Amino acid sequence: MKTFSVLLKRNIKLFFKDKGLFFTSLITPLILLVLYATFLANVYRDSLNSIFTAMGTPLSEDLLNGAVGGQLLSSLLAVSCITVSFCSNMLMVQDKVSGARKDLLMSPVKRSTMALSYYAATTFSTLIICFIAAVAGLIYIAIIGWYMSFVDVLLIFLDVIILVTFGTALSSIINHFLSTQGQISAVGSIVSSCYGFICGAYMPLASFSDGLRGALMFLPGTYGTSLIRNHSLDGVIREMTAQNLPAQAIKGFKDAIDCNIYFFGEQVSVGVMYAVLIGTVILLVGAYILINALSNRKSKGN
């Protein structure tokens, strides 16, 4: 435990000491928030406005702003929790490149302890950055249209924690097989450019074809996006109900923005979304431990 604690502190310190890596990780979600608010907000607003206008129940400006803000916040956090995890976890590969990992293994440090220290340090660092991004997003929503309850905010932070553990587990497995700076850059670019689309953050799954939507329902990130979207928009939906908007219009709204998602025609409940995401985290962490255990045996055999 003492060795793990020392390695954990070392990894966290190195992450925050690397100003380039830290500020890149921190600024990226904040830049995304500005870009989303500048460019995507109008797209979301026009889309939502057209949905309710077509149903004969146009939304008030305040309620429309609240819905747009909730959708922006959920998109931001769904993407940032994963992409920042990959960025924070680069230390694992950088230690290979610099030779620091080899030096550490020459000391009486178990590979399993080192692997868990990377995971824990990445989770801690990513949580700090994503919590900052969440607070910035909540401030933005408070400015344009606040309908959230205290419980909604707590659930959003819970979703962030689960998504960060998922992103860290996924990045830990992938980064285990990387050994050069070029590979780090390539993987980071792919994840940053593609993840937002395949998890439904940039474009709701409802806008995809049936075949693609069905395929994406097998990806756990889809359920994470829907979880955050539900909790970011619960207050708006409660207000819609309080204003006696037709139930069919509210259901159409939830379907259009992926608060309601369907697996082969069956609606997926929030409880099932949590089960899928937490189960995936457990499986990925188990796979990460197994990969490191097998690597340890291989190194001893050599």
C-alpha atoms as a PDB file:
ATOM      1  CA  MET A   1       0.000   0.000   0.000  1.00  0.00           C
ATOM      2  CA  LYS A   2       2.881   2.365   0.762  1.00  0.00           C
ATOM      3  CA  THR A   3       4.426   1.725  -2.655  1.00  0.00           C
ATOM      4  CA  PHE A   4       1.067   2.313  -4.328  1.00  0.00           C
ATOM      5  CA  SER A   5       0.658   5.589  -2.426  1.00  0.00           C
ATOM      6  CA  VAL A   6       4.120   6.789  -3.460  1.00  0.00           C
ATOM      7  CA  LEU A   7       3.497   5.928  -7.115  1.00  0.00           C
ATOM      8  CA  LEU A   8       0.072   7.531  -7.021  1.00  0.00           C
ATOM      9  CA  LYS A   9       1.467  10.798  -5.678  1.00  0.00           C
ATOM     10  CA  ARG A  10       4.298  10.641  -8.187  1.00  0.00           C
ATOM     11  CA  ASN A  11       1.941  10.180 -11.163  1.00  0.00           C
ATOM     12  CA  ILE A  12      -0.444  12.931 -10.061  1.00  0.00           C
ATOM     13  CA  LYS A  13       2.453  15.310  -9.403  1.00  0.00           C
ATOM     14  CA  LEU A  14       4.008  14.633 -12.802  1.00  0.00           C
ATOM     15  CA  PHE A  15       0.684  15.245 -14.543  1.00  0.00           C
ATOM     16  CA  PHE A  16       0.137  18.634 -12.917  1.00  0.00           C
ATOM     17  CA  LYS A  17       3.826  19.498 -13.215  1.00  0.00           C
ATOM     18  CA  ASP A  18       3.660  19.023 -16.987  1.00  0.00           C
ATOM     19  CA  LYS A  19       2.099  22.400 -17.754  1.00  0.00           C
ATOM     20  CA  GLY A  20       1.552  21.562 -21.417  1.00  0.00           C
ATOM     21  CA  LEU A  21      -0.296  18.330 -20.670  1.00  0.00           C
ATOM     22  CA  PHE A  22      -2.284  19.807 -17.784  1.00  0.00           C
ATOM     23  CA  PHE A  23      -3.417  22.985 -19.529  1.00  0.00           C
ATOM     24  CA  THR A  24      -4.241  21.084 -22.716  1.00  0.00           C
ATOM     25  CA  SER A  25      -6.438  18.727 -20.696  1.00  0.00           C
ATOM     26  CA  LEU A  26      -8.028  21.624 -18.814  1.00  0.00           C
ATOM     27  CA  ILE A  27      -8.546  24.049 -21.671  1.00  0.00           C
ATOM     28  CA  THR A  28      -9.935  21.494 -24.138  1.00  0.00           C
ATOM     29  CA  PRO A  29     -13.352  21.044 -22.433  1.00  0.00           C
ATOM     30  CA  LEU A  30     -13.596  24.793 -21.774  1.00  0.00           C
ATOM     31  CA  ILE A  31     -12.878  25.513 -25.437  1.00  0.00           C
ATOM     32  CA  LEU A  32     -15.493  22.909 -26.360  1.00  0.00           C
ATOM     33  CA  LEU A  33     -18.018  24.700 -24.148  1.00  0.00           C
ATOM     34  CA  VAL A  34     -17.344  27.991 -25.940  1.00  0.00           C
ATOM     35  CA  LEU A  35     -17.538  26.315 -29.359  1.00  0.00           C
ATOM     36  CA  TYR A  36     -20.729  24.474 -28.459  1.00  0.00           C
ATOM     37  CA  ALA A  37     -22.345  27.645 -27.118  1.00  0.00           C
ATOM     38  CA  THR A  38     -21.252  29.610 -30.179  1.00  0.00           C
ATOM     39  CA  PHE A  39     -22.041  27.172 -32.979  1.00  0.00           C
ATOM     40  CA  LEU A  40     -24.107  24.229 -31.737  1.00  0.00           C
ATOM     41  CA  ALA A  41     -26.486  26.254 -29.567  1.00  0.00           C
ATOM     42  CA  ASN A  42     -28.280  27.737 -32.579  1.00  0.00           C
ATOM     43  CA  VAL A  43     -28.460  24.327 -34.252  1.00  0.00           C
ATOM     44  CA  TYR A  44     -29.970  22.774 -31.107  1.00  0.00           C
ATOM     45  CA  ARG A  45     -32.334  25.728 -30.654  1.00  0.00           C
ATOM     46  CA  ASP A  46     -33.654  25.548 -34.227  1.00  0.00           C
ATOM     47  CA  SER A  47     -34.017  21.771 -33.988  1.00  0.00           C
ATOM     48  CA  LEU A  48     -35.933  21.858 -30.692  1.00  0.00           C
ATOM     49  CA  ASN A  49     -38.036  24.792 -31.815  1.00  0.00           C
ATOM     50  CA  SER A  50     -39.038  22.958 -34.983  1.00  0.00           C
ATOM     51  CA  ILE A  51     -40.003  19.841 -32.999  1.00  0.00           C
ATOM     52  CA  PHE A  52     -42.439  21.667 -30.721  1.00  0.00           C
ATOM     53  CA  THR A  53     -43.704  24.056 -33.394  1.00  0.00           C
ATOM     54  CA  ALA A  54     -44.577  21.073 -35.593  1.00  0.00           C
ATOM     55  CA  MET A  55     -46.577  19.639 -32.677  1.00  0.00           C
ATOM     56  CA  GLY A  56     -48.404  22.941 -32.203  1.00  0.00           C
ATOM     57  CA  THR A  57     -46.831  23.599 -28.779  1.00  0.00           C
ATOM     58  CA  PRO A  58     -44.007  26.163 -29.224  1.00  0.00           C
ATOM     59  CA  LEU A  59     -41.759  26.602 -26.182  1.00  0.00           C
ATOM     60  CA  SER A  60     -41.190  29.839 -24.317  1.00  0.00           C
ATOM     61  CA  GLU A  61     -37.792  31.443 -24.847  1.00  0.00           C
ATOM     62  CA  ASP A  62     -36.637  30.670 -21.292  1.00  0.00           C
ATOM     63  CA  LEU A  63     -37.639  27.015 -21.501  1.00  0.00           C
ATOM     64  CA  LEU A  64     -36.043  26.692 -24.929  1.00  0.00           C
ATOM     65  CA  ASN A  65     -32.805  28.175 -23.572  1.00  0.00           C
ATOM     66  CA  GLY A  66     -32.874  25.754 -20.642  1.00  0.00           C
ATOM     67  CA  ALA A  67     -33.332  22.802 -22.999  1.00  0.00           C
ATOM     68  CA  VAL A  68     -30.478  23.970 -25.233  1.00  0.00           C
ATOM     69  CA  GLY A  69     -28.208  24.514 -22.212  1.00  0.00           C
ATOM     70  CA  GLY A  70     -28.926  21.048 -20.848  1.00  0.00           C
ATOM     71  CA  GLN A  71     -28.211  19.467 -24.207  1.00  0.00           C
ATOM     72  CA  LEU A  72     -24.945  21.391 -24.539  1.00  0.00           C
ATOM     73  CA  LEU A  73     -23.801  20.454 -21.029  1.00  0.00           C
ATOM     74  CA  SER A  74     -24.558  16.767 -21.552  1.00  0.00           C
ATOM     75  CA  SER A  75     -22.726  16.738 -24.895  1.00  0.00           C
ATOM     76  CA  LEU A  76     -19.707  18.484 -23.380  1.00  0.00           C
ATOM     77  CA  LEU A  77     -19.387  16.138 -20.409  1.00  0.00           C
ATOM     78  CA  ALA A  78     -20.107  12.967 -22.381  1.00  0.00           C
ATOM     79  CA  VAL A  79     -17.152  13.739 -24.655  1.00  0.00           C
ATOM     80  CA  SER A  80     -14.775  15.350 -22.144  1.00  0.00           C
ATOM     81  CA  CYS A  81     -14.918  12.505 -19.607  1.00  0.00           C
ATOM     82  CA  ILE A  82     -13.466  10.174 -22.242  1.00  0.00           C
ATOM     83  CA  THR A  83     -11.114  12.425 -24.215  1.00  0.00           C
ATOM     84  CA  VAL A  84      -9.582  13.974 -21.080  1.00  0.00           C
ATOM     85  CA  SER A  85      -9.053  10.453 -19.679  1.00  0.00           C
ATOM     86  CA  PHE A  86      -6.974   9.569 -22.723  1.00  0.00           C
ATOM     87  CA  CYS A  87      -5.010  12.807 -22.386  1.00  0.00           C
ATOM     88  CA  SER A  88      -4.388  12.347 -18.651  1.00  0.00           C
ATOM     89  CA  ASN A  89      -3.349   8.732 -19.175  1.00  0.00           C
ATOM     90  CA  MET A  90      -0.531   9.674 -21.555  1.00  0.00           C
ATOM     91  CA  LEU A  91       1.886   9.516 -18.618  1.00  0.00           C
ATOM     92  CA  MET A  92       1.747   5.719 -18.854  1.00  0.00           C
ATOM     93  CA  VAL A  93       3.160   5.841 -22.374  1.00  0.00           C
ATOM     94  CA  GLN A  94       5.524   8.745 -21.687  1.00  0.00           C
ATOM     95  CA  ASP A  95       7.163   6.655 -18.956  1.00  0.00           C
ATOM     96  CA  LYS A  96       7.844   3.982 -21.570  1.00  0.00           C
ATOM     97  CA  VAL A  97       9.260   6.526 -24.010  1.00  0.00           C
ATOM     98  CA  SER A  98      11.510   8.163 -21.391  1.00  0.00           C
ATOM     99  CA  GLY A  99      12.610   4.868 -19.858  1.00  0.00           C
ATOM    100  CA  ALA A 100      11.174   5.790 -16.451  1.00  0.00           C
ATOM    101  CA  ARG A 101       8.958   2.696 -16.441  1.00  0.00           C
ATOM    102  CA  LYS A 102      11.963   0.416 -16.935  1.00  0.00           C
ATOM    103  CA  ASP A 103      13.800   2.172 -14.104  1.00  0.00           C
ATOM    104  CA  LEU A 104      10.815   1.732 -11.784  1.00  0.00           C
ATOM    105  CA  LEU A 105      10.522  -1.960 -12.625  1.00  0.00           C
ATOM    106  CA  MET A 106      14.153  -2.460 -11.685  1.00  0.00           C
ATOM    107  CA  SER A 107      13.171  -1.535  -8.139  1.00  0.00           C
ATOM    108  CA  PRO A 108      10.979  -3.866  -6.050  1.00  0.00           C
ATOM    109  CA  VAL A 109       7.760  -2.495  -7.599  1.00  0.00           C
ATOM    110  CA  LYS A 110       5.127  -4.951  -8.771  1.00  0.00           C
ATOM    111  CA  ARG A 111       3.685  -4.428 -12.240  1.00  0.00           C
ATOM    112  CA  SER A 112       0.170  -4.712 -10.806  1.00  0.00           C
ATOM    113  CA  THR A 113       0.881  -1.961  -8.281  1.00  0.00           C
ATOM    114  CA  MET A 114       2.281   0.282 -10.997  1.00  0.00           C
ATOM    115  CA  ALA A 115      -0.698  -0.420 -13.265  1.00  0.00           C
ATOM    116  CA  LEU A 116      -3.215   0.422 -10.530  1.00  0.00           C
ATOM    117  CA  SER A 117      -1.301   3.600  -9.651  1.00  0.00           C
ATOM    118  CA  TYR A 118      -1.582   4.778 -13.271  1.00  0.00           C
ATOM    119  CA  TYR A 119      -5.315   4.032 -13.253  1.00  0.00           C
ATOM    120  CA  ALA A 120      -5.984   5.764  -9.936  1.00  0.00           C
ATOM    121  CA  ALA A 121      -3.871   8.811 -10.807  1.00  0.00           C
ATOM    122  CA  THR A 122      -5.557   9.201 -14.198  1.00  0.00           C
ATOM    123  CA  THR A 123      -8.997   8.900 -12.608  1.00  0.00           C
ATOM    124  CA  PHE A 124      -8.144  11.526  -9.984  1.00  0.00           C
ATOM    125  CA  SER A 125      -6.646  14.008 -12.464  1.00  0.00           C
ATOM    126  CA  THR A 126      -9.461  13.563 -14.968  1.00  0.00           C
ATOM    127  CA  LEU A 127     -12.134  14.004 -12.311  1.00  0.00           C
ATOM    128  CA  ILE A 128     -10.660  17.356 -11.263  1.00  0.00           C
ATOM    129  CA  ILE A 129     -10.704  18.634 -14.847  1.00  0.00           C
ATOM    130  CA  CYS A 130     -14.179  17.258 -15.643  1.00  0.00           C
ATOM    131  CA  PHE A 131     -15.620  18.680 -12.427  1.00  0.00           C
ATOM    132  CA  ILE A 132     -14.242  22.085 -13.433  1.00  0.00           C
ATOM    133  CA  ALA A 133     -15.845  21.648 -16.869  1.00  0.00           C
ATOM    134  CA  ALA A 134     -19.139  20.624 -15.239  1.00  0.00           C
ATOM    135  CA  VAL A 135     -19.135  23.697 -12.986  1.00  0.00           C
ATOM    136  CA  ALA A 136     -18.401  25.933 -15.988  1.00  0.00           C
ATOM    137  CA  GLY A 137     -21.281  24.313 -17.864  1.00  0.00           C
ATOM    138  CA  LEU A 138     -23.638  24.744 -14.911  1.00  0.00           C
ATOM    139  CA  ILE A 139     -22.712  28.423 -14.687  1.00  0.00           C
ATOM    140  CA  TYR A 140     -23.545  28.751 -18.396  1.00  0.00           C
ATOM    141  CA  ILE A 141     -26.942  27.125 -17.807  1.00  0.00           C
ATOM    142  CA  ALA A 142     -27.592  29.375 -14.803  1.00  0.00           C
ATOM    143  CA  ILE A 143     -27.058  32.371 -17.077  1.00  0.00           C
ATOM    144  CA  ILE A 144     -29.322  31.269 -19.936  1.00  0.00           C
ATOM    145  CA  GLY A 145     -32.042  29.267 -18.167  1.00  0.00           C
ATOM    146  CA  TRP A 146     -31.842  27.229 -14.949  1.00  0.00           C
ATOM    147  CA  TYR A 147     -34.419  24.511 -14.215  1.00  0.00           C
ATOM    148  CA  MET A 148     -32.279  21.964 -12.347  1.00  0.00           C
ATOM    149  CA  SER A 149     -32.771  20.745  -8.805  1.00  0.00           C
ATOM    150  CA  PHE A 150     -29.983  19.998  -6.341  1.00  0.00           C
ATOM    151  CA  VAL A 151     -30.534  16.271  -6.936  1.00  0.00           C
ATOM    152  CA  ASP A 152     -30.136  16.780 -10.693  1.00  0.00           C
ATOM    153  CA  VAL A 153     -26.747  18.398 -10.108  1.00  0.00           C
ATOM    154  CA  LEU A 154     -25.621  15.577  -7.806  1.00  0.00           C
ATOM    155  CA  LEU A 155     -26.679  12.985 -10.376  1.00  0.00           C
ATOM    156  CA  ILE A 156     -24.723  14.815 -13.090  1.00  0.00           C
ATOM    157  CA  PHE A 157     -21.584  14.638 -10.939  1.00  0.00           C
ATOM    158  CA  LEU A 158     -22.278  10.931 -10.290  1.00  0.00           C
ATOM    159  CA  ASP A 159     -22.547  10.378 -14.049  1.00  0.00           C
ATOM    160  CA  VAL A 160     -19.237  12.185 -14.525  1.00  0.00           C
ATOM    161  CA  ILE A 161     -17.539   9.917 -11.981  1.00  0.00           C
ATOM    162  CA  ILE A 162     -18.812   6.756 -13.689  1.00  0.00           C
ATOM    163  CA  LEU A 163     -17.931   8.005 -17.174  1.00  0.00           C
ATOM    164  CA  VAL A 164     -14.437   9.001 -16.054  1.00  0.00           C
ATOM    165  CA  THR A 165     -13.809   5.542 -14.582  1.00  0.00           C
ATOM    166  CA  PHE A 166     -15.047   4.090 -17.886  1.00  0.00           C
ATOM    167  CA  GLY A 167     -12.820   6.400 -19.948  1.00  0.00           C
ATOM    168  CA  THR A 168      -9.809   5.693 -17.738  1.00  0.00           C
ATOM    169  CA  ALA A 169     -10.295   1.929 -17.968  1.00  0.00           C
ATOM    170  CA  LEU A 170     -10.646   2.110 -21.762  1.00  0.00           C
ATOM    171  CA  SER A 171      -7.611   4.374 -22.178  1.00  0.00           C
ATOM    172  CA  SER A 172      -5.555   2.208 -19.794  1.00  0.00           C
ATOM    173  CA  ILE A 173      -6.128  -0.887 -21.923  1.00  0.00           C
ATOM    174  CA  ILE A 174      -5.353   0.909 -25.192  1.00  0.00           C
ATOM    175  CA  ASN A 175      -2.358   2.829 -23.833  1.00  0.00           C
ATOM    176  CA  HIS A 176      -0.872  -0.389 -22.438  1.00  0.00           C
ATOM    177  CA  PHE A 177      -0.015  -1.399 -26.003  1.00  0.00           C
ATOM    178  CA  LEU A 178       1.407   1.991 -27.045  1.00  0.00           C
ATOM    179  CA  SER A 179       5.119   2.754 -26.814  1.00  0.00           C
ATOM    180  CA  THR A 180       5.877   5.864 -28.904  1.00  0.00           C
ATOM    181  CA  GLN A 181       4.929   9.524 -28.932  1.00  0.00           C
ATOM    182  CA  GLY A 182       3.540   9.152 -32.456  1.00  0.00           C
ATOM    183  CA  GLN A 183       1.163   6.416 -31.321  1.00  0.00           C
ATOM    184  CA  ILE A 184      -0.054   8.648 -28.472  1.00  0.00           C
ATOM    185  CA  SER A 185      -0.821  11.473 -30.893  1.00  0.00           C
ATOM    186  CA  ALA A 186      -2.575   9.151 -33.350  1.00  0.00           C
ATOM    187  CA  VAL A 187      -4.818   7.562 -30.721  1.00  0.00           C
ATOM    188  CA  GLY A 188      -5.596  10.948 -29.145  1.00  0.00           C
ATOM    189  CA  SER A 189      -6.593  12.390 -32.518  1.00  0.00           C
ATOM    190  CA  ILE A 190      -8.824   9.434 -33.365  1.00  0.00           C
ATOM    191  CA  VAL A 191     -10.596   9.484 -30.006  1.00  0.00           C
ATOM    192  CA  SER A 192     -11.069  13.275 -30.030  1.00  0.00           C
ATOM    193  CA  SER A 193     -12.488  13.337 -33.548  1.00  0.00           C
ATOM    194  CA  CYS A 194     -14.645  10.208 -33.488  1.00  0.00           C
ATOM    195  CA  TYR A 195     -15.932   9.586 -29.973  1.00  0.00           C
ATOM    196  CA  GLY A 196     -18.425  12.463 -29.928  1.00  0.00           C
ATOM    197  CA  PHE A 197     -20.173  11.056 -32.979  1.00  0.00           C
ATOM    198  CA  ILE A 198     -20.327   7.403 -31.986  1.00  0.00           C
ATOM    199  CA  CYS A 199     -21.635   8.157 -28.471  1.00  0.00           C
ATOM    200  CA  GLY A 200     -24.422  10.436 -29.731  1.00  0.00           C
ATOM    201  CA  ALA A 201     -23.031  13.600 -28.155  1.00  0.00           C
ATOM    202  CA  TYR A 202     -22.688  15.696 -31.309  1.00  0.00           C
ATOM    203  CA  MET A 203     -25.701  14.294 -33.152  1.00  0.00           C
ATOM    204  CA  PRO A 204     -28.572  12.479 -31.375  1.00  0.00           C
ATOM    205  CA  LEU A 205     -28.955   8.819 -32.262  1.00  0.00           C
ATOM    206  CA  ALA A 206     -32.472   9.620 -33.423  1.00  0.00           C
ATOM    207  CA  SER A 207     -30.959  11.408 -36.429  1.00  0.00           C
ATOM    208  CA  PHE A 208     -29.045   8.281 -37.569  1.00  0.00           C
ATOM    209  CA  SER A 209     -30.311   5.469 -39.760  1.00  0.00           C
ATOM    210  CA  ASP A 210     -31.923   2.466 -38.073  1.00  0.00           C
ATOM    211  CA  GLY A 211     -28.956   0.210 -38.838  1.00  0.00           C
ATOM    212  CA  LEU A 212     -26.332   2.599 -37.500  1.00  0.00           C
ATOM    213  CA  ARG A 213     -28.453   3.431 -34.476  1.00  0.00           C
ATOM    214  CA  GLY A 214     -28.836  -0.271 -33.694  1.00  0.00           C
ATOM    215  CA  ALA A 215     -25.079  -0.799 -33.961  1.00  0.00           C
ATOM    216  CA  LEU A 216     -24.281   2.158 -31.690  1.00  0.00           C
ATOM    217  CA  MET A 217     -26.593   0.755 -29.019  1.00  0.00           C
ATOM    218  CA  PHE A 218     -23.973  -1.924 -28.392  1.00  0.00           C
ATOM    219  CA  LEU A 219     -21.447   0.755 -27.319  1.00  0.00           C
ATOM    220  CA  PRO A 220     -21.460   1.631 -23.592  1.00  0.00           C
ATOM    221  CA  GLY A 221     -20.641   5.297 -24.280  1.00  0.00           C
ATOM    222  CA  THR A 222     -24.114   5.672 -25.779  1.00  0.00           C
ATOM    223  CA  TYR A 223     -25.685   4.882 -22.412  1.00  0.00           C
ATOM    224  CA  GLY A 224     -23.358   7.316 -20.635  1.00  0.00           C
ATOM    225  CA  THR A 225     -24.425  10.143 -22.949  1.00  0.00           C
ATOM    226  CA  SER A 226     -28.096   9.344 -22.397  1.00  0.00           C
ATOM    227  CA  LEU A 227     -27.622   9.267 -18.609  1.00  0.00           C
ATOM    228  CA  ILE A 228     -26.076  12.728 -18.497  1.00  0.00           C
ATOM    229  CA  ARG A 229     -28.675  14.010 -20.963  1.00  0.00           C
ATOM    230  CA  ASN A 230     -31.512  12.750 -18.789  1.00  0.00           C
ATOM    231  CA  HIS A 231     -30.163  14.402 -15.657  1.00  0.00           C
ATOM    232  CA  SER A 232     -29.239  17.636 -17.458  1.00  0.00           C
ATOM    233  CA  LEU A 233     -32.771  17.961 -18.829  1.00  0.00           C
ATOM    234  CA  ASP A 234     -34.910  16.508 -16.030  1.00  0.00           C
ATOM    235  CA  GLY A 235     -35.675  20.004 -14.728  1.00  0.00           C
ATOM    236  CA  VAL A 236     -36.723  21.218 -18.177  1.00  0.00           C
ATOM    237  CA  ILE A 237     -38.959  18.177 -18.634  1.00  0.00           C
ATOM    238  CA  ARG A 238     -40.559  18.741 -15.216  1.00  0.00           C
ATOM    239  CA  GLU A 239     -41.278  22.340 -16.226  1.00  0.00           C
ATOM    240  CA  MET A 240     -42.810  21.168 -19.511  1.00  0.00           C
ATOM    241  CA  THR A 241     -45.099  18.865 -17.528  1.00  0.00           C
ATOM    242  CA  ALA A 242     -45.972  21.686 -15.104  1.00  0.00           C
ATOM    243  CA  GLN A 243     -46.920  23.887 -18.080  1.00  0.00           C
ATOM    244  CA  ASN A 244     -49.290  21.119 -19.237  1.00  0.00           C
ATOM    245  CA  LEU A 245     -47.531  20.473 -22.516  1.00  0.00           C
ATOM    246  CA  PRO A 246     -48.980  17.400 -24.249  1.00  0.00           C
ATOM    247  CA  ALA A 247     -47.419  14.124 -23.089  1.00  0.00           C
ATOM    248  CA  GLN A 248     -46.899  13.130 -26.715  1.00  0.00           C
ATOM    249  CA  ALA A 249     -44.919  16.318 -27.359  1.00  0.00           C
ATOM    250  CA  ILE A 250     -42.712  15.700 -24.310  1.00  0.00           C
ATOM    251  CA  LYS A 251     -42.117  12.089 -25.371  1.00  0.00           C
ATOM    252  CA  GLY A 252     -41.219  13.271 -28.877  1.00  0.00           C
ATOM    253  CA  PHE A 253     -38.742  15.716 -27.335  1.00  0.00           C
ATOM    254  CA  LYS A 254     -37.143  13.014 -25.179  1.00  0.00           C
ATOM    255  CA  ASP A 255     -36.928  10.650 -28.159  1.00  0.00           C
ATOM    256  CA  ALA A 256     -35.376  13.324 -30.387  1.00  0.00           C
ATOM    257  CA  ILE A 257     -32.548  14.204 -27.982  1.00  0.00           C
ATOM    258  CA  ASP A 258     -31.824  10.669 -26.700  1.00  0.00           C
ATOM    259  CA  CYS A 259     -33.255  10.985 -23.226  1.00  0.00           C
ATOM    260  CA  ASN A 260     -35.234   7.983 -24.410  1.00  0.00           C
ATOM    261  CA  ILE A 261     -33.100   5.389 -26.183  1.00  0.00           C
ATOM    262  CA  TYR A 262     -34.285   2.077 -27.559  1.00  0.00           C
ATOM    263  CA  PHE A 263     -32.559  -1.283 -27.872  1.00  0.00           C
ATOM    264  CA  PHE A 264     -34.275  -3.238 -30.665  1.00  0.00           C
ATOM    265  CA  GLY A 265     -37.487  -1.313 -30.082  1.00  0.00           C
ATOM    266  CA  GLU A 266     -37.475  -1.619 -26.294  1.00  0.00           C
ATOM    267  CA  GLN A 267     -36.959   1.548 -24.247  1.00  0.00           C
ATOM    268  CA  VAL A 268     -33.888   1.382 -22.009  1.00  0.00           C
ATOM    269  CA  SER A 269     -34.518   2.547 -18.438  1.00  0.00           C
ATOM    270  CA  VAL A 270     -32.094   4.726 -16.476  1.00  0.00           C
ATOM    271  CA  GLY A 271     -31.402   1.793 -14.148  1.00  0.00           C
ATOM    272  CA  VAL A 272     -30.351  -0.384 -17.078  1.00  0.00           C
ATOM    273  CA  MET A 273     -28.130   2.428 -18.396  1.00  0.00           C
ATOM    274  CA  TYR A 274     -26.319   2.521 -15.045  1.00  0.00           C
ATOM    275  CA  ALA A 275     -26.035  -1.277 -15.034  1.00  0.00           C
ATOM    276  CA  VAL A 276     -24.538  -1.344 -18.547  1.00  0.00           C
ATOM    277  CA  LEU A 277     -22.028   1.408 -17.811  1.00  0.00           C
ATOM    278  CA  ILE A 278     -20.948   0.123 -14.383  1.00  0.00           C
ATOM    279  CA  GLY A 279     -20.769  -3.443 -15.680  1.00  0.00           C
ATOM    280  CA  THR A 280     -18.572  -2.277 -18.562  1.00  0.00           C
ATOM    281  CA  VAL A 281     -16.254  -0.462 -16.144  1.00  0.00           C
ATOM    282  CA  ILE A 282     -15.879  -3.625 -14.061  1.00  0.00           C
ATOM    283  CA  LEU A 283     -15.155  -5.723 -17.165  1.00  0.00           C
ATOM    284  CA  LEU A 284     -12.614  -3.226 -18.526  1.00  0.00           C
ATOM    285  CA  VAL A 285     -10.803  -2.875 -15.202  1.00  0.00           C
ATOM    286  CA  GLY A 286     -10.725  -6.667 -14.932  1.00  0.00           C
ATOM    287  CA  ALA A 287      -9.332  -6.896 -18.458  1.00  0.00           C
ATOM    288  CA  TYR A 288      -6.708  -4.267 -17.617  1.00  0.00           C
ATOM    289  CA  ILE A 289      -5.602  -6.213 -14.536  1.00  0.00           C
ATOM    290  CA  LEU A 290      -5.518  -9.458 -16.536  1.00  0.00           C
ATOM    291  CA  ILE A 291      -3.445  -7.887 -19.323  1.00  0.00           C
ATOM    292  CA  ASN A 292      -0.904  -6.638 -16.804  1.00  0.00           C
ATOM    293  CA  ALA A 293      -0.824 -10.003 -15.029  1.00  0.00           C
ATOM    294  CA  LEU A 294      -0.141 -11.792 -18.307  1.00  0.00           C
ATOM    295  CA  SER A 295       2.543  -9.238 -19.190  1.00  0.00           C
ATOM    296  CA  ASN A 296       4.169  -9.889 -15.832  1.00  0.00           C
ATOM    297  CA  ARG A 297       4.259 -13.640 -16.469  1.00  0.00           C
ATOM    298  CA  LYS A 298       5.651 -13.098 -19.949  1.00  0.00           C
ATOM    299  CA  SER A 299       8.438 -10.862 -18.641  1.00  0.00           C
ATOM    300  CA  LYS A 300       9.340 -13.432 -15.975  1.00  0.00           C
ATOM    301  CA  GLY A 301       9.359 -16.187 -18.580  1.00  0.00           C
ATOM    302  CA  ASN A 302      11.804 -14.209 -20.675  1.00  0.00           C
END
